[in-house]
Amino acid sequence: MTENENEQEEEVSPPPSPANPPVAEPTDPPKSTELIDNANNAADRMEKAAERLEKANSKNEALQVEKTLGGTADAGQGQQEETPAEYAKKVMANDLKT
């Protein structure tokens, strides 16, 4: 064989197909200590987030109590009585609130 023929043979390779997928180079798996460190970091972040949520919930609870005791709550607001004609209109429009 001549040098030209050798070069042509090296360049020709079958295209990858589903039956013959390209082979990826093997990579080193992460070390177990890295995985444990990552898990510990994630757990720390989750604990800090839980603490922040707990503080926010307690603040919201305190604000709700202030609103209720301060007289600005919606509770205790009486509904206006309707006339029979208004009630009939709501019944016909199927707009009754239970």
PDB file of N, CA and C in Angstrom:
ATOM      1  N   MET A   1       0.828  -1.188   0.000  1.00  0.00           N
ATOM      2  CA  MET A   1       0.000   0.000   0.000  1.00  0.00           C
ATOM      3  C   MET A   1       0.868   1.244   0.000  1.00  0.00           C
ATOM      4  N   THR A   2       0.357   2.264  -0.579  1.00  0.00           N
ATOM      5  CA  THR A   2       1.097   3.512  -0.610  1.00  0.00           C
ATOM      6  C   THR A   2       0.666   4.386   0.554  1.00  0.00           C
ATOM      7  N   GLU A   3       1.386   5.452   0.748  1.00  0.00           N
ATOM      8  CA  GLU A   3       1.090   6.341   1.854  1.00  0.00           C
ATOM      9  C   GLU A   3      -0.270   7.005   1.657  1.00  0.00           C
ATOM     10  N   ASN A   4      -0.626   7.309   0.438  1.00  0.00           N
ATOM     11  CA  ASN A   4      -1.914   7.929   0.137  1.00  0.00           C
ATOM     12  C   ASN A   4      -3.071   7.026   0.530  1.00  0.00           C
ATOM     13  N   GLU A   5      -2.961   5.762   0.264  1.00  0.00           N
ATOM     14  CA  GLU A   5      -4.014   4.808   0.598  1.00  0.00           C
ATOM     15  C   GLU A   5      -4.138   4.653   2.111  1.00  0.00           C
ATOM     16  N   ASN A   6      -3.038   4.653   2.840  1.00  0.00           N
ATOM     17  CA  ASN A   6      -3.079   4.547   4.291  1.00  0.00           C
ATOM     18  C   ASN A   6      -3.798   5.742   4.904  1.00  0.00           C
ATOM     19  N   GLU A   7      -3.546   6.934   4.391  1.00  0.00           N
ATOM     20  CA  GLU A   7      -4.188   8.133   4.899  1.00  0.00           C
ATOM     21  C   GLU A   7      -5.694   8.080   4.672  1.00  0.00           C
ATOM     22  N   GLN A   8      -6.124   7.610   3.513  1.00  0.00           N
ATOM     23  CA  GLN A   8      -7.542   7.529   3.209  1.00  0.00           C
ATOM     24  C   GLN A   8      -8.228   6.510   4.112  1.00  0.00           C
ATOM     25  N   GLU A   9      -7.595   5.414   4.411  1.00  0.00           N
ATOM     26  CA  GLU A   9      -8.192   4.393   5.258  1.00  0.00           C
ATOM     27  C   GLU A   9      -8.353   4.911   6.692  1.00  0.00           C
ATOM     28  N   GLU A  10      -7.428   5.693   7.160  1.00  0.00           N
ATOM     29  CA  GLU A  10      -7.515   6.222   8.523  1.00  0.00           C
ATOM     30  C   GLU A  10      -8.626   7.252   8.649  1.00  0.00           C
ATOM     31  N   GLU A  11      -8.885   8.026   7.626  1.00  0.00           N
ATOM     32  CA  GLU A  11      -9.889   9.074   7.681  1.00  0.00           C
ATOM     33  C   GLU A  11     -11.301   8.521   7.640  1.00  0.00           C
ATOM     34  N   VAL A  12     -11.516   7.410   7.030  1.00  0.00           N
ATOM     35  CA  VAL A  12     -12.857   6.856   6.880  1.00  0.00           C
ATOM     36  C   VAL A  12     -13.209   6.072   8.146  1.00  0.00           C
ATOM     37  N   SER A  13     -14.271   6.518   8.804  1.00  0.00           N
ATOM     38  CA  SER A  13     -14.767   5.783   9.963  1.00  0.00           C
ATOM     39  C   SER A  13     -16.292   5.823   9.910  1.00  0.00           C
ATOM     40  N   PRO A  14     -16.935   4.798  10.356  1.00  0.00           N
ATOM     41  CA  PRO A  14     -18.399   4.778  10.260  1.00  0.00           C
ATOM     42  C   PRO A  14     -18.995   5.822  11.201  1.00  0.00           C
ATOM     43  N   PRO A  15     -20.047   6.483  10.766  1.00  0.00           N
ATOM     44  CA  PRO A  15     -20.688   7.480  11.633  1.00  0.00           C
ATOM     45  C   PRO A  15     -21.362   6.783  12.821  1.00  0.00           C
ATOM     46  N   PRO A  16     -21.446   7.471  13.944  1.00  0.00           N
ATOM     47  CA  PRO A  16     -22.100   6.846  15.089  1.00  0.00           C
ATOM     48  C   PRO A  16     -23.578   6.608  14.801  1.00  0.00           C
ATOM     49  N   SER A  17     -24.073   5.495  15.213  1.00  0.00           N
ATOM     50  CA  SER A  17     -25.476   5.148  15.013  1.00  0.00           C
ATOM     51  C   SER A  17     -26.031   4.684  16.358  1.00  0.00           C
ATOM     52  N   PRO A  18     -27.355   4.556  16.447  1.00  0.00           N
ATOM     53  CA  PRO A  18     -27.928   4.104  17.714  1.00  0.00           C
ATOM     54  C   PRO A  18     -27.396   2.733  18.130  1.00  0.00           C
ATOM     55  N   ALA A  19     -27.094   1.880  17.172  1.00  0.00           N
ATOM     56  CA  ALA A  19     -26.569   0.562  17.510  1.00  0.00           C
ATOM     57  C   ALA A  19     -25.094   0.635  17.870  1.00  0.00           C
ATOM     58  N   ASN A  20     -24.420   1.697  17.427  1.00  0.00           N
ATOM     59  CA  ASN A  20     -22.986   1.835  17.651  1.00  0.00           C
ATOM     60  C   ASN A  20     -22.705   3.251  18.178  1.00  0.00           C
ATOM     61  N   PRO A  21     -23.143   3.604  19.460  1.00  0.00           N
ATOM     62  CA  PRO A  21     -22.970   4.970  19.958  1.00  0.00           C
ATOM     63  C   PRO A  21     -21.499   5.279  20.212  1.00  0.00           C
ATOM     64  N   PRO A  22     -21.156   6.567  20.158  1.00  0.00           N
ATOM     65  CA  PRO A  22     -19.770   6.940  20.441  1.00  0.00           C
ATOM     66  C   PRO A  22     -19.451   6.661  21.909  1.00  0.00           C
ATOM     67  N   VAL A  23     -18.238   6.256  22.146  1.00  0.00           N
ATOM     68  CA  VAL A  23     -17.804   5.910  23.495  1.00  0.00           C
ATOM     69  C   VAL A  23     -17.185   7.139  24.142  1.00  0.00           C
ATOM     70  N   ALA A  24     -17.692   7.498  25.309  1.00  0.00           N
ATOM     71  CA  ALA A  24     -17.159   8.654  26.028  1.00  0.00           C
ATOM     72  C   ALA A  24     -15.951   8.214  26.840  1.00  0.00           C
ATOM     73  N   GLU A  25     -15.067   9.154  27.010  1.00  0.00           N
ATOM     74  CA  GLU A  25     -13.887   8.867  27.810  1.00  0.00           C
ATOM     75  C   GLU A  25     -14.311   8.690  29.266  1.00  0.00           C
ATOM     76  N   PRO A  26     -13.819   7.694  29.947  1.00  0.00           N
ATOM     77  CA  PRO A  26     -14.197   7.518  31.351  1.00  0.00           C
ATOM     78  C   PRO A  26     -13.615   8.648  32.201  1.00  0.00           C
ATOM     79  N   THR A  27     -14.406   9.102  33.134  1.00  0.00           N
ATOM     80  CA  THR A  27     -13.957  10.159  34.031  1.00  0.00           C
ATOM     81  C   THR A  27     -13.842   9.581  35.427  1.00  0.00           C
ATOM     82  N   ASP A  28     -13.044  10.228  36.239  1.00  0.00           N
ATOM     83  CA  ASP A  28     -12.877   9.767  37.610  1.00  0.00           C
ATOM     84  C   ASP A  28     -14.134  10.109  38.398  1.00  0.00           C
ATOM     85  N   PRO A  29     -14.696   9.162  39.123  1.00  0.00           N
ATOM     86  CA  PRO A  29     -15.864   9.475  39.935  1.00  0.00           C
ATOM     87  C   PRO A  29     -15.459  10.401  41.084  1.00  0.00           C
ATOM     88  N   PRO A  30     -16.399  11.242  41.545  1.00  0.00           N
ATOM     89  CA  PRO A  30     -16.049  12.144  42.641  1.00  0.00           C
ATOM     90  C   PRO A  30     -15.693  11.340  43.886  1.00  0.00           C
ATOM     91  N   LYS A  31     -14.803  11.878  44.642  1.00  0.00           N
ATOM     92  CA  LYS A  31     -14.371  11.197  45.855  1.00  0.00           C
ATOM     93  C   LYS A  31     -15.507  11.228  46.877  1.00  0.00           C
ATOM     94  N   SER A  32     -15.554  10.214  47.710  1.00  0.00           N
ATOM     95  CA  SER A  32     -16.652  10.107  48.671  1.00  0.00           C
ATOM     96  C   SER A  32     -16.638  11.276  49.653  1.00  0.00           C
ATOM     97  N   THR A  33     -15.476  11.800  49.962  1.00  0.00           N
ATOM     98  CA  THR A  33     -15.429  12.932  50.892  1.00  0.00           C
ATOM     99  C   THR A  33     -16.054  14.172  50.257  1.00  0.00           C
ATOM    100  N   GLU A  34     -15.914  14.329  48.942  1.00  0.00           N
ATOM    101  CA  GLU A  34     -16.531  15.461  48.270  1.00  0.00           C
ATOM    102  C   GLU A  34     -18.052  15.347  48.343  1.00  0.00           C
ATOM    103  N   LEU A  35     -18.555  14.150  48.141  1.00  0.00           N
ATOM    104  CA  LEU A  35     -19.998  13.943  48.209  1.00  0.00           C
ATOM    105  C   LEU A  35     -20.522  14.236  49.612  1.00  0.00           C
ATOM    106  N   ILE A  36     -19.798  13.787  50.610  1.00  0.00           N
ATOM    107  CA  ILE A  36     -20.224  14.023  51.987  1.00  0.00           C
ATOM    108  C   ILE A  36     -20.175  15.512  52.313  1.00  0.00           C
ATOM    109  N   ASP A  37     -19.127  16.199  51.863  1.00  0.00           N
ATOM    110  CA  ASP A  37     -19.024  17.643  52.090  1.00  0.00           C
ATOM    111  C   ASP A  37     -20.174  18.380  51.415  1.00  0.00           C
ATOM    112  N   ASN A  38     -20.485  17.983  50.182  1.00  0.00           N
ATOM    113  CA  ASN A  38     -21.601  18.622  49.471  1.00  0.00           C
ATOM    114  C   ASN A  38     -22.917  18.391  50.208  1.00  0.00           C
ATOM    115  N   ALA A  39     -23.123  17.184  50.706  1.00  0.00           N
ATOM    116  CA  ALA A  39     -24.352  16.888  51.451  1.00  0.00           C
ATOM    117  C   ALA A  39     -24.414  17.690  52.741  1.00  0.00           C
ATOM    118  N   ASN A  40     -23.294  17.816  53.435  1.00  0.00           N
ATOM    119  CA  ASN A  40     -23.267  18.601  54.669  1.00  0.00           C
ATOM    120  C   ASN A  40     -23.554  20.074  54.395  1.00  0.00           C
ATOM    121  N   ASN A  41     -22.991  20.604  53.311  1.00  0.00           N
ATOM    122  CA  ASN A  41     -23.251  22.001  52.941  1.00  0.00           C
ATOM    123  C   ASN A  41     -24.728  22.208  52.622  1.00  0.00           C
ATOM    124  N   ALA A  42     -25.311  21.256  51.909  1.00  0.00           N
ATOM    125  CA  ALA A  42     -26.732  21.371  51.572  1.00  0.00           C
ATOM    126  C   ALA A  42     -27.585  21.316  52.837  1.00  0.00           C
ATOM    127  N   ALA A  43     -27.226  20.447  53.773  1.00  0.00           N
ATOM    128  CA  ALA A  43     -27.975  20.348  55.028  1.00  0.00           C
ATOM    129  C   ALA A  43     -27.873  21.652  55.819  1.00  0.00           C
ATOM    130  N   ASP A  44     -26.703  22.263  55.842  1.00  0.00           N
ATOM    131  CA  ASP A  44     -26.532  23.543  56.541  1.00  0.00           C
ATOM    132  C   ASP A  44     -27.414  24.619  55.924  1.00  0.00           C
ATOM    133  N   ARG A  45     -27.442  24.663  54.599  1.00  0.00           N
ATOM    134  CA  ARG A  45     -28.282  25.658  53.917  1.00  0.00           C
ATOM    135  C   ARG A  45     -29.756  25.426  54.238  1.00  0.00           C
ATOM    136  N   MET A  46     -30.175  24.176  54.280  1.00  0.00           N
ATOM    137  CA  MET A  46     -31.571  23.870  54.588  1.00  0.00           C
ATOM    138  C   MET A  46     -31.919  24.260  56.019  1.00  0.00           C
ATOM    139  N   GLU A  47     -31.004  24.047  56.959  1.00  0.00           N
ATOM    140  CA  GLU A  47     -31.251  24.428  58.353  1.00  0.00           C
ATOM    141  C   GLU A  47     -31.373  25.943  58.484  1.00  0.00           C
ATOM    142  N   LYS A  48     -30.510  26.685  57.794  1.00  0.00           N
ATOM    143  CA  LYS A  48     -30.578  28.147  57.852  1.00  0.00           C
ATOM    144  C   LYS A  48     -31.887  28.647  57.241  1.00  0.00           C
ATOM    145  N   ALA A  49     -32.306  28.027  56.146  1.00  0.00           N
ATOM    146  CA  ALA A  49     -33.559  28.428  55.512  1.00  0.00           C
ATOM    147  C   ALA A  49     -34.743  28.137  56.428  1.00  0.00           C
ATOM    148  N   ALA A  50     -34.705  27.012  57.122  1.00  0.00           N
ATOM    149  CA  ALA A  50     -35.790  26.666  58.050  1.00  0.00           C
ATOM    150  C   ALA A  50     -35.855  27.676  59.185  1.00  0.00           C
ATOM    151  N   GLU A  51     -34.699  28.117  59.684  1.00  0.00           N
ATOM    152  CA  GLU A  51     -34.680  29.125  60.749  1.00  0.00           C
ATOM    153  C   GLU A  51     -35.279  30.441  60.262  1.00  0.00           C
ATOM    154  N   ARG A  52     -34.909  30.843  59.036  1.00  0.00           N
ATOM    155  CA  ARG A  52     -35.461  32.088  58.491  1.00  0.00           C
ATOM    156  C   ARG A  52     -36.970  31.981  58.324  1.00  0.00           C
ATOM    157  N   LEU A  53     -37.456  30.826  57.861  1.00  0.00           N
ATOM    158  CA  LEU A  53     -38.897  30.651  57.710  1.00  0.00           C
ATOM    159  C   LEU A  53     -39.613  30.700  59.054  1.00  0.00           C
ATOM    160  N   GLU A  54     -39.009  30.110  60.060  1.00  0.00           N
ATOM    161  CA  GLU A  54     -39.614  30.117  61.392  1.00  0.00           C
ATOM    162  C   GLU A  54     -39.717  31.550  61.919  1.00  0.00           C
ATOM    163  N   LYS A  55     -38.667  32.347  61.726  1.00  0.00           N
ATOM    164  CA  LYS A  55     -38.708  33.747  62.169  1.00  0.00           C
ATOM    165  C   LYS A  55     -39.781  34.525  61.408  1.00  0.00           C
ATOM    166  N   ALA A  56     -39.859  34.311  60.103  1.00  0.00           N
ATOM    167  CA  ALA A  56     -40.851  35.019  59.292  1.00  0.00           C
ATOM    168  C   ALA A  56     -42.262  34.621  59.705  1.00  0.00           C
ATOM    169  N   ASN A  57     -42.476  33.352  59.994  1.00  0.00           N
ATOM    170  CA  ASN A  57     -43.803  32.906  60.418  1.00  0.00           C
ATOM    171  C   ASN A  57     -44.188  33.509  61.764  1.00  0.00           C
ATOM    172  N   SER A  58     -43.236  33.606  62.671  1.00  0.00           N
ATOM    173  CA  SER A  58     -43.563  34.183  63.971  1.00  0.00           C
ATOM    174  C   SER A  58     -43.869  35.681  63.829  1.00  0.00           C
ATOM    175  N   LYS A  59     -43.162  36.367  62.934  1.00  0.00           N
ATOM    176  CA  LYS A  59     -43.455  37.786  62.698  1.00  0.00           C
ATOM    177  C   LYS A  59     -44.848  37.950  62.095  1.00  0.00           C
ATOM    178  N   ASN A  60     -45.188  37.087  61.133  1.00  0.00           N
ATOM    179  CA  ASN A  60     -46.516  37.163  60.518  1.00  0.00           C
ATOM    180  C   ASN A  60     -47.606  36.872  61.537  1.00  0.00           C
ATOM    181  N   GLU A  61     -47.338  35.929  62.420  1.00  0.00           N
ATOM    182  CA  GLU A  61     -48.303  35.606  63.470  1.00  0.00           C
ATOM    183  C   GLU A  61     -48.498  36.808  64.385  1.00  0.00           C
ATOM    184  N   ALA A  62     -47.407  37.468  64.765  1.00  0.00           N
ATOM    185  CA  ALA A  62     -47.500  38.645  65.627  1.00  0.00           C
ATOM    186  C   ALA A  62     -48.271  39.763  64.927  1.00  0.00           C
ATOM    187  N   LEU A  63     -48.046  39.948  63.641  1.00  0.00           N
ATOM    188  CA  LEU A  63     -48.777  40.981  62.904  1.00  0.00           C
ATOM    189  C   LEU A  63     -50.268  40.657  62.839  1.00  0.00           C
ATOM    190  N   GLN A  64     -50.592  39.387  62.679  1.00  0.00           N
ATOM    191  CA  GLN A  64     -51.994  38.980  62.624  1.00  0.00           C
ATOM    192  C   GLN A  64     -52.680  39.246  63.962  1.00  0.00           C
ATOM    193  N   VAL A  65     -51.983  38.961  65.056  1.00  0.00           N
ATOM    194  CA  VAL A  65     -52.544  39.224  66.391  1.00  0.00           C
ATOM    195  C   VAL A  65     -52.757  40.721  66.575  1.00  0.00           C
ATOM    196  N   GLU A  66     -51.760  41.531  66.175  1.00  0.00           N
ATOM    197  CA  GLU A  66     -51.897  42.991  66.278  1.00  0.00           C
ATOM    198  C   GLU A  66     -53.102  43.476  65.488  1.00  0.00           C
ATOM    199  N   LYS A  67     -53.274  42.946  64.308  1.00  0.00           N
ATOM    200  CA  LYS A  67     -54.386  43.369  63.460  1.00  0.00           C
ATOM    201  C   LYS A  67     -55.707  42.993  64.111  1.00  0.00           C
ATOM    202  N   THR A  68     -55.776  41.792  64.658  1.00  0.00           N
ATOM    203  CA  THR A  68     -57.015  41.334  65.277  1.00  0.00           C
ATOM    204  C   THR A  68     -57.341  42.148  66.517  1.00  0.00           C
ATOM    205  N   LEU A  69     -56.345  42.367  67.364  1.00  0.00           N
ATOM    206  CA  LEU A  69     -56.586  43.102  68.596  1.00  0.00           C
ATOM    207  C   LEU A  69     -56.699  44.605  68.374  1.00  0.00           C
ATOM    208  N   GLY A  70     -56.149  45.083  67.289  1.00  0.00           N
ATOM    209  CA  GLY A  70     -56.165  46.517  67.012  1.00  0.00           C
ATOM    210  C   GLY A  70     -57.461  47.010  66.425  1.00  0.00           C
ATOM    211  N   GLY A  71     -58.390  46.122  66.143  1.00  0.00           N
ATOM    212  CA  GLY A  71     -59.684  46.549  65.627  1.00  0.00           C
ATOM    213  C   GLY A  71     -59.733  46.682  64.121  1.00  0.00           C
ATOM    214  N   THR A  72     -58.701  46.280  63.430  1.00  0.00           N
ATOM    215  CA  THR A  72     -58.732  46.393  61.974  1.00  0.00           C
ATOM    216  C   THR A  72     -59.037  45.065  61.302  1.00  0.00           C
ATOM    217  N   ALA A  73     -59.406  44.069  62.070  1.00  0.00           N
ATOM    218  CA  ALA A  73     -59.709  42.756  61.502  1.00  0.00           C
ATOM    219  C   ALA A  73     -61.074  42.795  60.821  1.00  0.00           C
ATOM    220  N   ASP A  74     -61.288  41.885  59.906  1.00  0.00           N
ATOM    221  CA  ASP A  74     -62.550  41.819  59.188  1.00  0.00           C
ATOM    222  C   ASP A  74     -63.631  41.115  59.999  1.00  0.00           C
ATOM    223  N   ALA A  75     -63.244  40.463  61.061  1.00  0.00           N
ATOM    224  CA  ALA A  75     -64.206  39.705  61.853  1.00  0.00           C
ATOM    225  C   ALA A  75     -65.208  40.649  62.512  1.00  0.00           C
ATOM    226  N   GLY A  76     -66.428  40.174  62.619  1.00  0.00           N
ATOM    227  CA  GLY A  76     -67.452  40.942  63.302  1.00  0.00           C
ATOM    228  C   GLY A  76     -68.136  41.974  62.438  1.00  0.00           C
ATOM    229  N   GLN A  77     -67.791  42.072  61.197  1.00  0.00           N
ATOM    230  CA  GLN A  77     -68.444  43.015  60.306  1.00  0.00           C
ATOM    231  C   GLN A  77     -69.796  42.428  59.895  1.00  0.00           C
ATOM    232  N   GLY A  78     -70.828  43.114  60.229  1.00  0.00           N
ATOM    233  CA  GLY A  78     -72.164  42.621  59.907  1.00  0.00           C
ATOM    234  C   GLY A  78     -72.471  42.760  58.428  1.00  0.00           C
ATOM    235  N   GLN A  79     -73.267  41.841  57.941  1.00  0.00           N
ATOM    236  CA  GLN A  79     -73.679  41.930  56.544  1.00  0.00           C
ATOM    237  C   GLN A  79     -74.950  42.767  56.465  1.00  0.00           C
ATOM    238  N   GLN A  80     -75.060  43.510  55.387  1.00  0.00           N
ATOM    239  CA  GLN A  80     -76.272  44.285  55.188  1.00  0.00           C
ATOM    240  C   GLN A  80     -77.394  43.332  54.819  1.00  0.00           C
ATOM    241  N   GLU A  81     -78.538  43.611  55.384  1.00  0.00           N
ATOM    242  CA  GLU A  81     -79.682  42.779  55.034  1.00  0.00           C
ATOM    243  C   GLU A  81     -80.182  43.195  53.664  1.00  0.00           C
ATOM    244  N   GLU A  82     -80.639  42.180  52.939  1.00  0.00           N
ATOM    245  CA  GLU A  82     -81.115  42.439  51.582  1.00  0.00           C
ATOM    246  C   GLU A  82     -82.628  42.558  51.574  1.00  0.00           C
ATOM    247  N   THR A  83     -83.080  43.269  50.601  1.00  0.00           N
ATOM    248  CA  THR A  83     -84.527  43.324  50.410  1.00  0.00           C
ATOM    249  C   THR A  83     -84.935  42.038  49.689  1.00  0.00           C
ATOM    250  N   PRO A  84     -86.174  41.679  49.774  1.00  0.00           N
ATOM    251  CA  PRO A  84     -86.622  40.473  49.068  1.00  0.00           C
ATOM    252  C   PRO A  84     -86.357  40.542  47.555  1.00  0.00           C
ATOM    253  N   ALA A  85     -86.409  41.729  46.983  1.00  0.00           N
ATOM    254  CA  ALA A  85     -86.168  41.867  45.537  1.00  0.00           C
ATOM    255  C   ALA A  85     -84.690  41.594  45.214  1.00  0.00           C
ATOM    256  N   GLU A  86     -83.784  42.109  46.062  1.00  0.00           N
ATOM    257  CA  GLU A  86     -82.346  41.852  45.841  1.00  0.00           C
ATOM    258  C   GLU A  86     -82.034  40.373  46.012  1.00  0.00           C
ATOM    259  N   TYR A  87     -82.656  39.749  47.016  1.00  0.00           N
ATOM    260  CA  TYR A  87     -82.437  38.328  47.254  1.00  0.00           C
ATOM    261  C   TYR A  87     -82.922  37.512  46.054  1.00  0.00           C
ATOM    262  N   ALA A  88     -84.058  37.869  45.519  1.00  0.00           N
ATOM    263  CA  ALA A  88     -84.605  37.146  44.361  1.00  0.00           C
ATOM    264  C   ALA A  88     -83.680  37.280  43.154  1.00  0.00           C
ATOM    265  N   LYS A  89     -83.108  38.476  42.946  1.00  0.00           N
ATOM    266  CA  LYS A  89     -82.171  38.662  41.832  1.00  0.00           C
ATOM    267  C   LYS A  89     -80.949  37.765  41.986  1.00  0.00           C
ATOM    268  N   LYS A  90     -80.420  37.666  43.216  1.00  0.00           N
ATOM    269  CA  LYS A  90     -79.244  36.823  43.450  1.00  0.00           C
ATOM    270  C   LYS A  90     -79.568  35.355  43.245  1.00  0.00           C
ATOM    271  N   VAL A  91     -80.748  34.943  43.669  1.00  0.00           N
ATOM    272  CA  VAL A  91     -81.142  33.548  43.497  1.00  0.00           C
ATOM    273  C   VAL A  91     -81.260  33.238  42.004  1.00  0.00           C
ATOM    274  N   MET A  92     -81.864  34.116  41.253  1.00  0.00           N
ATOM    275  CA  MET A  92     -82.035  33.894  39.809  1.00  0.00           C
ATOM    276  C   MET A  92     -80.687  33.913  39.074  1.00  0.00           C
ATOM    277  N   ALA A  93     -79.720  34.700  39.570  1.00  0.00           N
ATOM    278  CA  ALA A  93     -78.392  34.769  38.936  1.00  0.00           C
ATOM    279  C   ALA A  93     -77.463  33.698  39.482  1.00  0.00           C
ATOM    280  N   ASN A  94     -77.939  32.905  40.458  1.00  0.00           N
ATOM    281  CA  ASN A  94     -77.121  31.855  41.096  1.00  0.00           C
ATOM    282  C   ASN A  94     -75.860  32.467  41.701  1.00  0.00           C
ATOM    283  N   ASP A  95     -76.037  33.586  42.407  1.00  0.00           N
ATOM    284  CA  ASP A  95     -74.913  34.329  42.983  1.00  0.00           C
ATOM    285  C   ASP A  95     -74.990  34.355  44.518  1.00  0.00           C
ATOM    286  N   LEU A  96     -75.506  33.280  45.097  1.00  0.00           N
ATOM    287  CA  LEU A  96     -75.587  33.218  46.555  1.00  0.00           C
ATOM    288  C   LEU A  96     -74.264  32.751  47.125  1.00  0.00           C
ATOM    289  N   LYS A  97     -73.874  33.367  48.225  1.00  0.00           N
ATOM    290  CA  LYS A  97     -72.641  32.955  48.919  1.00  0.00           C
ATOM    291  C   LYS A  97     -73.051  32.176  50.147  1.00  0.00           C
ATOM    292  N   THR A  98     -72.366  31.074  50.354  1.00  0.00           N
ATOM    293  CA  THR A  98     -72.728  30.249  51.508  1.00  0.00           C
ATOM    294  C   THR A  98     -71.805  30.523  52.667  1.00  0.00           C
TER     295      THR A  98
END
